[in-house]
């Protein structure tokens, strides 16, 4: 997988992105109505934060992210 999640006990998941640029993922997901936050700061360079939502939102996110693995 191109996402490397950090352990979390919060209502979000922080992932380092390996391969594609986090901003590219954020922009493409936004076009699909899926909003995530990306980071380009020291210590979080090329990372995204995904908030936990309703099951149908999670399903849409997973489906959209799978397209990046192909």
N, C-alpha and C. Protein backbone atom coordinates (compact mmCIF):
# COMPACT_ATOMS: atom_id res chain seq x y z
N UNK A 1 0.83 -1.19 0.00
CA UNK A 1 0.00 0.00 0.00
C UNK A 1 0.88 1.25 0.00
N UNK A 2 0.37 2.31 -0.55
CA UNK A 2 1.11 3.57 -0.60
C UNK A 2 0.84 4.45 0.61
N UNK A 3 -0.03 4.00 1.52
CA UNK A 3 -0.32 4.74 2.75
C UNK A 3 0.28 4.01 3.93
N UNK A 4 0.93 4.76 4.80
CA UNK A 4 1.54 4.20 6.00
C UNK A 4 0.89 4.86 7.22
N UNK A 5 -0.16 4.22 7.78
CA UNK A 5 -0.87 4.84 8.90
C UNK A 5 -0.08 4.81 10.21
N UNK A 6 -0.24 5.86 10.98
CA UNK A 6 0.34 5.93 12.32
C UNK A 6 -0.68 5.39 13.31
N UNK A 7 -0.24 4.79 14.40
CA UNK A 7 -1.19 4.35 15.42
C UNK A 7 -2.05 5.53 15.88
N UNK A 8 -3.33 5.26 16.14
CA UNK A 8 -4.23 6.34 16.53
C UNK A 8 -5.32 5.85 17.46
N UNK A 9 -5.68 6.68 18.42
CA UNK A 9 -6.83 6.44 19.28
C UNK A 9 -7.80 7.60 19.15
N UNK A 10 -7.59 8.43 18.14
CA UNK A 10 -8.43 9.61 17.91
C UNK A 10 -9.47 9.29 16.84
N UNK A 11 -10.23 10.31 16.45
CA UNK A 11 -11.24 10.10 15.42
C UNK A 11 -10.69 10.41 14.02
N UNK A 12 -9.38 10.28 13.88
CA UNK A 12 -8.76 10.45 12.57
C UNK A 12 -7.56 9.53 12.46
N UNK A 13 -7.11 9.34 11.22
CA UNK A 13 -5.94 8.51 10.94
C UNK A 13 -4.96 9.38 10.19
N UNK A 14 -3.73 9.44 10.66
CA UNK A 14 -2.66 10.17 9.99
C UNK A 14 -1.84 9.16 9.21
N UNK A 15 -1.65 9.41 7.91
CA UNK A 15 -0.90 8.49 7.05
C UNK A 15 0.19 9.22 6.31
N UNK A 16 1.36 8.64 6.30
CA UNK A 16 2.41 9.11 5.40
C UNK A 16 2.12 8.50 4.04
N UNK A 17 2.34 9.29 3.01
CA UNK A 17 2.07 8.84 1.65
C UNK A 17 3.40 8.47 1.00
N UNK A 18 3.48 7.24 0.51
CA UNK A 18 4.69 6.77 -0.18
C UNK A 18 4.36 6.68 -1.67
N UNK A 19 5.09 7.38 -2.48
CA UNK A 19 4.84 7.34 -3.92
C UNK A 19 4.22 8.63 -4.41
N UNK A 20 2.88 8.65 -4.54
CA UNK A 20 2.25 9.87 -5.05
C UNK A 20 2.37 11.01 -4.04
N UNK A 21 2.17 12.22 -4.50
CA UNK A 21 2.21 13.37 -3.61
C UNK A 21 0.87 13.50 -2.88
N UNK A 22 0.93 13.79 -1.61
CA UNK A 22 -0.28 13.92 -0.79
C UNK A 22 -1.22 14.98 -1.36
N UNK A 23 -0.67 16.07 -1.87
CA UNK A 23 -1.53 17.13 -2.42
C UNK A 23 -2.30 16.63 -3.63
N UNK A 24 -1.70 15.76 -4.42
CA UNK A 24 -2.39 15.20 -5.59
C UNK A 24 -3.57 14.33 -5.16
N UNK A 25 -3.37 13.55 -4.12
CA UNK A 25 -4.45 12.71 -3.61
C UNK A 25 -5.57 13.60 -3.07
N UNK A 26 -5.20 14.62 -2.28
CA UNK A 26 -6.20 15.52 -1.71
C UNK A 26 -7.01 16.20 -2.81
N UNK A 27 -6.36 16.67 -3.84
CA UNK A 27 -7.06 17.37 -4.93
C UNK A 27 -8.00 16.43 -5.70
N UNK A 28 -7.54 15.23 -5.97
CA UNK A 28 -8.37 14.28 -6.72
C UNK A 28 -9.57 13.84 -5.88
N UNK A 29 -9.37 13.58 -4.60
CA UNK A 29 -10.49 13.20 -3.74
C UNK A 29 -11.50 14.34 -3.61
N UNK A 30 -11.00 15.56 -3.54
CA UNK A 30 -11.90 16.72 -3.43
C UNK A 30 -12.83 16.79 -4.65
N UNK A 31 -12.32 16.48 -5.82
CA UNK A 31 -13.14 16.46 -7.04
C UNK A 31 -14.29 15.47 -6.90
N UNK A 32 -14.08 14.44 -6.09
CA UNK A 32 -15.10 13.40 -5.87
C UNK A 32 -15.97 13.70 -4.65
N UNK A 33 -15.77 14.87 -4.04
CA UNK A 33 -16.55 15.25 -2.87
C UNK A 33 -16.05 14.63 -1.58
N UNK A 34 -14.82 14.15 -1.58
CA UNK A 34 -14.21 13.55 -0.39
C UNK A 34 -13.13 14.50 0.11
N UNK A 35 -13.25 14.92 1.34
CA UNK A 35 -12.33 15.92 1.88
C UNK A 35 -11.41 15.31 2.92
N UNK A 36 -10.12 15.43 2.67
CA UNK A 36 -9.08 15.02 3.61
C UNK A 36 -8.14 16.20 3.77
N UNK A 37 -7.30 16.15 4.74
CA UNK A 37 -6.33 17.22 4.95
C UNK A 37 -4.95 16.68 4.60
N UNK A 38 -4.18 17.48 3.91
CA UNK A 38 -2.80 17.08 3.63
C UNK A 38 -1.85 18.01 4.35
N UNK A 39 -0.65 17.51 4.59
CA UNK A 39 0.37 18.28 5.29
C UNK A 39 1.65 18.31 4.46
N UNK A 40 2.29 19.45 4.45
CA UNK A 40 3.57 19.60 3.76
C UNK A 40 4.50 20.42 4.65
N UNK A 41 4.50 20.08 5.92
CA UNK A 41 5.32 20.79 6.90
C UNK A 41 6.39 19.84 7.44
N UNK A 42 7.47 20.37 7.98
CA UNK A 42 8.50 19.49 8.55
C UNK A 42 7.90 18.52 9.56
N UNK A 43 8.31 17.29 9.49
CA UNK A 43 7.80 16.26 10.39
C UNK A 43 6.55 15.57 9.88
N UNK A 44 5.78 16.26 9.05
CA UNK A 44 4.57 15.67 8.48
C UNK A 44 4.59 15.72 6.95
N UNK A 45 5.75 15.97 6.39
CA UNK A 45 5.87 16.13 4.93
C UNK A 45 5.21 14.97 4.21
N UNK A 46 4.38 15.31 3.23
CA UNK A 46 3.67 14.36 2.39
C UNK A 46 2.80 13.39 3.19
N UNK A 47 2.03 13.94 4.13
CA UNK A 47 1.10 13.15 4.94
C UNK A 47 -0.32 13.64 4.73
N UNK A 48 -1.27 12.74 5.00
CA UNK A 48 -2.68 13.11 4.95
C UNK A 48 -3.35 12.70 6.25
N UNK A 49 -4.43 13.41 6.59
CA UNK A 49 -5.23 13.07 7.77
C UNK A 49 -6.63 12.76 7.29
N UNK A 50 -7.11 11.59 7.68
CA UNK A 50 -8.43 11.13 7.30
C UNK A 50 -9.29 11.06 8.54
N UNK A 51 -10.36 11.83 8.57
CA UNK A 51 -11.29 11.79 9.70
C UNK A 51 -12.24 10.62 9.55
N UNK A 52 -12.57 10.00 10.67
CA UNK A 52 -13.51 8.89 10.67
C UNK A 52 -14.92 9.45 10.58
N UNK A 53 -15.71 8.89 9.68
CA UNK A 53 -17.07 9.37 9.48
C UNK A 53 -18.05 8.22 9.44
N UNK A 54 -19.13 8.44 8.72
CA UNK A 54 -20.16 7.41 8.57
C UNK A 54 -19.62 6.27 7.71
N UNK A 55 -20.15 5.05 7.90
CA UNK A 55 -19.67 3.91 7.13
C UNK A 55 -19.71 4.15 5.61
N UNK A 56 -20.76 4.80 5.11
CA UNK A 56 -20.85 5.03 3.67
C UNK A 56 -19.77 6.01 3.19
N UNK A 57 -19.35 6.93 4.06
CA UNK A 57 -18.26 7.84 3.69
C UNK A 57 -16.94 7.08 3.66
N UNK A 58 -16.75 6.20 4.62
CA UNK A 58 -15.53 5.39 4.65
C UNK A 58 -15.46 4.49 3.43
N UNK A 59 -16.58 3.89 3.05
CA UNK A 59 -16.61 3.03 1.86
C UNK A 59 -16.22 3.82 0.61
N UNK A 60 -16.74 5.03 0.46
CA UNK A 60 -16.42 5.88 -0.70
C UNK A 60 -14.94 6.23 -0.70
N UNK A 61 -14.38 6.54 0.46
CA UNK A 61 -12.97 6.87 0.56
C UNK A 61 -12.11 5.68 0.17
N UNK A 62 -12.41 4.51 0.72
CA UNK A 62 -11.63 3.31 0.41
C UNK A 62 -11.67 3.01 -1.08
N UNK A 63 -12.83 3.11 -1.67
CA UNK A 63 -12.96 2.86 -3.11
C UNK A 63 -12.12 3.87 -3.91
N UNK A 64 -12.15 5.14 -3.54
CA UNK A 64 -11.38 6.16 -4.24
C UNK A 64 -9.88 5.94 -4.06
N UNK A 65 -9.45 5.55 -2.88
CA UNK A 65 -8.03 5.31 -2.64
C UNK A 65 -7.52 4.09 -3.38
N UNK A 66 -8.35 3.11 -3.57
CA UNK A 66 -7.95 1.91 -4.31
C UNK A 66 -7.54 2.26 -5.75
N UNK A 67 -8.15 3.28 -6.31
CA UNK A 67 -7.81 3.70 -7.66
C UNK A 67 -6.34 4.17 -7.74
N UNK A 68 -5.81 4.68 -6.62
CA UNK A 68 -4.42 5.13 -6.59
C UNK A 68 -3.44 3.96 -6.56
N UNK A 69 -3.89 2.79 -6.15
CA UNK A 69 -3.01 1.63 -6.07
C UNK A 69 -2.83 0.95 -7.42
N UNK A 70 -3.70 1.25 -8.35
CA UNK A 70 -3.65 0.58 -9.66
C UNK A 70 -2.58 1.14 -10.54
